[in-house]
Protein backbone atom coordinates (compact mmCIF):
# COMPACT_ATOMS: atom_id res chain seq x y z
CA MET A 1 87.91 116.66 84.25
CA SER A 2 91.62 116.18 83.59
CA SER A 3 92.48 113.70 80.85
CA ARG A 4 96.05 113.22 82.08
CA ARG A 5 97.01 109.76 83.20
CA GLU A 6 100.06 108.57 85.09
CA THR A 7 101.98 105.31 84.87
CA VAL A 8 103.23 104.05 88.24
CA ILE A 9 105.65 101.29 89.27
CA ALA A 10 105.17 100.61 93.00
CA VAL A 11 107.49 98.37 95.03
CA TYR A 12 106.63 96.96 98.45
CA GLY A 13 108.74 95.38 101.15
CA PRO A 14 112.38 95.85 100.16
CA VAL A 15 114.99 96.13 102.90
CA ILE A 16 116.34 99.62 102.18
CA SER A 17 119.92 100.32 103.23
CA PRO A 18 121.67 103.69 102.80
CA GLU A 19 123.49 102.20 99.82
CA ARG A 20 120.19 101.27 98.20
CA VAL A 21 118.82 104.76 98.81
CA ALA A 22 121.85 106.22 97.07
CA THR A 23 121.60 103.84 94.12
CA PHE A 24 117.84 104.38 93.72
CA TYR A 25 118.31 108.16 93.82
CA SER A 26 120.94 107.95 91.09
CA PHE A 27 118.73 105.65 89.02
CA ALA A 28 115.68 107.92 89.36
CA THR A 29 117.46 111.09 88.25
CA LYS A 30 119.05 109.33 85.26
CA ALA A 31 115.74 107.69 84.28
CA MET A 32 113.98 111.05 84.25
CA ASP A 33 116.78 112.49 82.11
CA ALA A 34 116.37 109.57 79.71
CA LEU A 35 112.63 110.27 79.44
CA GLY A 36 113.42 113.87 78.47
CA HIS A 37 112.06 115.27 81.73
CA PRO A 38 115.04 116.07 83.94
CA PRO A 39 114.43 116.28 87.69
CA GLY A 40 113.76 119.77 88.96
CA PHE A 41 113.21 119.37 92.70
CA VAL A 42 114.31 117.03 95.45
CA LEU A 43 112.97 116.58 98.98
CA ILE A 44 115.36 114.86 101.41
CA SER A 45 114.07 113.83 104.84
CA ARG A 46 116.48 112.83 107.61
CA ARG A 47 116.03 111.54 111.14
CA SER A 48 117.63 114.74 112.38
CA LYS A 49 115.54 117.27 110.44
CA LYS A 50 112.49 117.70 108.28
CA GLY A 51 113.15 118.02 104.59
CA LYS A 52 112.30 120.84 102.21
CA TYR A 53 112.30 121.09 98.44
CA THR A 54 115.59 122.09 96.85
CA THR A 55 117.07 122.05 93.38
CA LEU A 56 118.80 118.92 92.14
CA ARG A 57 122.19 120.65 92.33
CA THR A 58 121.62 121.65 95.96
CA ALA A 59 120.39 118.16 96.87
CA ASP A 60 123.42 116.54 95.26
CA ALA A 61 125.71 118.86 97.22
CA GLN A 62 123.89 118.11 100.49
CA LEU A 63 124.06 114.36 99.92
CA ALA A 64 127.75 114.55 99.01
CA LYS A 65 128.42 116.46 102.23
CA ASP A 66 126.12 114.67 104.70
CA GLY A 67 125.77 111.23 103.12
CA TYR A 68 122.81 108.87 103.21
CA GLU A 69 123.20 107.26 106.64
CA ASP A 70 120.30 109.04 108.37
CA VAL A 71 118.15 109.65 105.27
CA THR A 72 114.60 108.41 105.89
CA ALA A 73 113.04 109.33 102.53
CA ILE A 74 113.83 111.02 99.22
CA GLU A 75 111.37 112.39 96.68
CA VAL A 76 112.44 113.49 93.20
CA THR A 77 110.12 115.32 90.82
CA ALA A 78 110.33 116.58 87.26
CA GLY A 79 108.16 119.47 86.14
CA PRO A 80 108.00 123.24 85.67
CA PRO A 81 109.04 125.59 88.51
CA GLU A 82 105.43 126.17 89.53
CA SER A 83 105.04 122.41 90.19
CA LYS A 84 107.31 122.49 93.25
CA GLY A 85 105.48 120.90 96.18
CA LYS A 86 102.13 120.88 94.37
CA LEU A 87 100.12 117.70 93.96
CA ASN A 88 99.83 116.08 90.54
CA THR A 89 101.56 118.84 88.56
CA HIS A 90 104.73 116.85 87.92
CA SER A 91 105.65 115.03 84.72
CA ALA A 92 107.67 112.35 86.53
CA SER A 93 108.36 111.44 90.15
CA ALA A 94 110.25 108.95 92.28
CA PHE A 95 110.04 108.25 95.99
CA ILE A 96 111.77 105.93 98.42
CA ASP A 97 110.89 105.54 102.11
CA VAL A 98 113.22 103.61 104.40
CA GLY A 99 110.77 103.08 107.26
CA GLU A 100 107.79 102.11 105.13
CA GLN A 101 110.03 99.93 102.91
CA PHE A 102 108.38 101.33 99.82
CA ALA A 103 109.45 102.95 96.57
CA HIS A 104 107.82 104.14 93.39
CA PHE A 105 108.76 105.55 90.01
CA SER A 106 106.10 107.27 87.93
CA ALA A 107 105.68 109.42 84.85
CA ASP A 108 102.95 110.94 82.75
CA ALA A 109 101.51 108.19 80.56
CA SER A 110 102.29 110.26 77.49
CA ILE A 111 106.01 109.74 78.14
CA LEU A 112 105.93 106.33 79.87
CA SER A 113 103.41 103.72 78.75
CA LEU A 114 102.77 100.23 80.10
CA SER A 115 104.38 98.71 77.02
CA ARG A 116 106.90 95.96 77.72
CA ASN A 117 109.68 97.74 75.84
CA GLU A 118 109.30 100.96 77.83
CA ILE A 119 108.58 99.89 81.37
CA LEU A 120 110.17 96.45 81.82
CA PRO A 121 113.78 97.74 81.68
CA LEU A 122 112.88 100.28 84.40
CA ALA A 123 111.23 97.63 86.56
CA ASP A 124 114.17 95.26 86.09
CA GLU A 125 116.58 97.94 87.26
CA ILE A 126 114.43 98.92 90.25
CA PHE A 127 114.24 95.33 91.49
CA ARG A 128 117.97 94.85 90.85
CA ILE A 129 118.60 97.84 93.13
CA LEU A 130 116.06 97.06 95.85
CA GLY A 131 116.21 93.27 95.87
CA ARG A 132 113.50 90.67 96.26
CA SER A 133 110.15 92.17 97.20
CA HIS A 134 106.81 92.61 95.42
CA GLY A 135 105.37 95.19 93.09
CA ILE A 136 102.65 96.33 90.72
CA ALA A 137 102.42 98.69 87.76
CA TYR A 138 99.32 100.47 86.54
CA LYS A 139 97.98 103.56 84.79
CA MET A 140 95.45 105.87 86.46
CA PRO A 141 93.88 109.31 85.85
CA MET A 142 96.00 112.00 87.45
CA ASN A 143 93.04 113.54 89.30
CA LEU A 144 92.67 110.31 91.31
CA GLY A 145 96.18 110.59 92.74
CA PRO A 146 97.96 107.56 91.23
CA THR A 147 101.01 107.71 93.48
CA TRP A 148 98.84 108.28 96.57
CA TYR A 149 96.84 105.19 95.66
CA ALA A 150 100.08 103.19 95.73
CA ILE A 151 100.47 103.79 99.48
CA GLY A 152 96.80 103.55 100.37
CA ILE A 153 95.74 107.19 100.51
CA CYS A 154 92.41 108.27 99.01
CA TYR A 155 93.46 111.42 97.20
CA SER A 156 90.20 112.16 95.41
CA LYS A 157 87.04 110.59 94.18
CA ASN A 158 86.03 111.20 90.60
CA ILE A 159 85.55 114.95 90.32
CA ASP A 160 82.58 114.57 87.99
CA ALA A 161 79.72 115.49 90.35
CA ALA A 162 77.36 113.11 88.58
CA ILE A 163 79.68 110.19 89.33
CA GLU A 164 80.87 111.36 92.74
CA ALA A 165 77.48 110.89 94.37
CA GLU A 166 77.86 109.12 97.69
CA SER A 167 77.20 105.41 97.52
CA ALA A 168 78.00 102.31 99.53
CA GLU A 169 80.13 101.06 96.64
CA ALA A 170 82.22 104.24 96.54
CA ASP A 171 82.67 104.21 100.31
CA GLU A 172 83.77 100.58 100.23
CA GLU A 173 86.35 101.35 97.54
CA ASP A 174 87.71 104.21 99.65
CA MET A 175 87.98 101.83 102.60
CA ARG A 176 89.82 99.23 100.51
CA ILE A 177 92.34 101.84 99.41
CA SER A 178 92.86 103.14 102.95
CA ARG A 179 93.23 99.68 104.48
CA TRP A 180 96.11 98.99 102.13
CA GLY A 181 98.07 101.83 103.71
CA HIS A 182 97.16 101.60 107.37
CA THR A 183 96.75 97.81 107.75
CA TYR A 184 97.90 95.65 104.86
CA MET A 185 101.25 97.33 104.13
CA PRO A 186 102.38 97.18 107.79
CA ALA A 187 101.25 93.53 107.90
CA ARG A 188 103.30 92.80 104.74
CA VAL A 189 100.51 90.72 103.26
CA TRP A 190 102.56 89.95 100.13
CA GLU A 191 104.77 87.73 102.31
CA MET A 192 101.61 85.72 103.12
CA GLY A 193 101.08 85.16 99.40
CA LEU A 194 98.19 87.62 99.17
CA LEU A 195 97.57 90.15 96.40
CA ARG A 196 96.12 93.63 96.69
CA ASP A 197 94.33 93.18 93.35
CA VAL A 198 95.08 92.11 89.79
CA TYR A 199 96.85 94.76 87.70
CA PRO A 200 98.09 94.95 84.11
CA TRP A 201 101.58 94.35 85.50
CA ASN A 202 102.27 92.32 88.64
CA PHE A 203 105.69 91.42 90.06
CA LEU A 204 105.09 88.25 92.05
CA ASN A 205 107.26 86.76 94.78
CA ALA A 206 107.65 83.10 95.81
CA PRO A 207 104.84 83.02 98.45
CA GLN A 208 102.40 84.51 95.95
CA LEU A 209 103.39 82.10 93.19
CA ALA A 210 102.94 79.16 95.57
CA LYS A 211 99.49 80.18 96.83
CA LEU A 212 96.83 77.68 95.74
CA VAL A 213 94.09 78.39 93.23
CA GLY A 214 92.01 75.29 93.64
CA LYS A 215 94.57 72.49 93.63
CA LEU A 216 97.20 74.36 91.64
CA PRO A 217 99.84 76.88 92.78
CA LEU A 218 99.18 80.28 91.23
CA GLU A 219 102.20 79.96 88.95
CA LYS A 220 100.95 76.70 87.42
CA TRP A 221 97.38 78.00 87.32
CA ILE A 222 98.46 80.99 85.22
CA LYS A 223 100.55 78.85 82.87
CA GLN A 224 97.66 76.41 82.41
CA ASP A 225 95.62 78.85 80.30
CA SER A 226 96.86 81.68 78.07
CA SER A 227 93.75 83.71 78.95
CA ARG A 228 95.26 84.15 82.43
CA GLY A 229 98.14 86.28 81.20
CA THR A 230 101.82 85.52 80.71
CA LEU A 231 104.69 84.97 83.14
CA THR A 232 108.29 86.08 82.57
CA PRO A 233 111.15 85.38 85.03
CA MET A 234 112.85 88.46 86.48
CA ALA A 235 115.82 89.19 88.70
CA ASN A 236 115.88 88.11 92.35
CA GLY A 237 113.45 85.23 91.85
CA LEU A 238 110.47 87.44 90.97
CA MET A 239 108.03 86.65 88.20
CA PHE A 240 106.54 89.30 85.95
CA TRP A 241 102.84 88.63 85.32
CA GLU A 242 101.31 90.61 82.47
CA LEU A 243 97.59 90.74 81.65
CA THR A 244 95.49 92.60 79.13
CA ALA A 245 92.58 94.74 80.28
CA SER A 246 90.12 92.17 78.91
CA GLN A 247 91.73 89.33 80.90
CA ILE A 248 91.70 91.04 84.29
CA PRO A 249 87.99 90.74 85.27
CA ASP A 250 87.80 86.93 84.94
CA VAL A 251 91.18 86.44 86.61
CA ARG A 252 90.23 88.78 89.46
CA ASP A 253 86.98 86.88 89.97
CA ALA A 254 88.80 83.53 90.13
CA LEU A 255 91.41 84.79 92.59
CA ASN A 256 88.77 86.40 94.78
CA LYS A 257 86.97 83.06 94.98
CA ALA A 258 90.29 81.37 95.85
CA ASP A 259 90.92 83.94 98.62
CA LEU A 260 94.19 85.19 97.07
CA ILE A 261 93.10 88.84 96.93
CA ILE A 262 93.17 90.55 100.33
CA ASP A 263 89.72 90.93 101.83
CA TRP A 264 88.94 92.45 105.22
CA GLU A 265 86.24 89.94 106.14
CA LYS A 266 88.20 86.89 104.99
CA HIS A 267 91.69 87.87 106.16
CA ARG A 268 91.05 90.07 109.18
CA SER A 269 92.63 87.58 111.59
CA LEU A 270 95.83 87.48 109.54
CA VAL A 271 96.38 91.24 109.79
CA GLY A 272 95.41 91.77 113.42
CA GLY A 273 91.89 93.06 112.75
């Protein structure tokens, strides 16, 4: 089993203009350079034609010539030549999708940790570029497809055959992941104040902060007890909520009971189910 892990910053719901695509692309390439893993390949998709992987130099020339007006998505990856177009062989990646209103930036956890000093400047810059939205950051084994998880695609179960045995619990987890992509993202549940889950890093918007936990808005509920993590104001009215691994289970349990975490049975009517 691979021991590699990937750190992912995922952003949901921004209104993505051509100018924001251009700025995010510039940010992503510079951020990879700063991490010591310069981008090697770029995939540009346009309304007029399907994209294909090219070198960074070729992509820059194409974008300078044709502009960003009809760009629907851009993917940037850093890695060796043999990583081109292959899943989970990159050392860093970035993706922005205009139609899905989604973006991510990721890197191997050995070069980008979840430490405040390393990741918060990146997150600040991403939200400055993309505006008010919602996001999460997490670390996940590479063989489970961390960036695929971000958009609700079940890339792989645990490849250890002893753990991969079919079970109702495993099937339910697969369904939860898939529903995020095909139902909850299109419904923009974060604008209803709902959370996908509780992560080490959560970038909360106003509806989420105002959602009640008992008689208290989530923001006040978190501030009431240091065991519920810490809140730090960010750009565009967002709040950065940071938790340790030991804090997450109790917080998740409380928010599940308060119906703040999206649940198919509880929230089906809200998402057209």
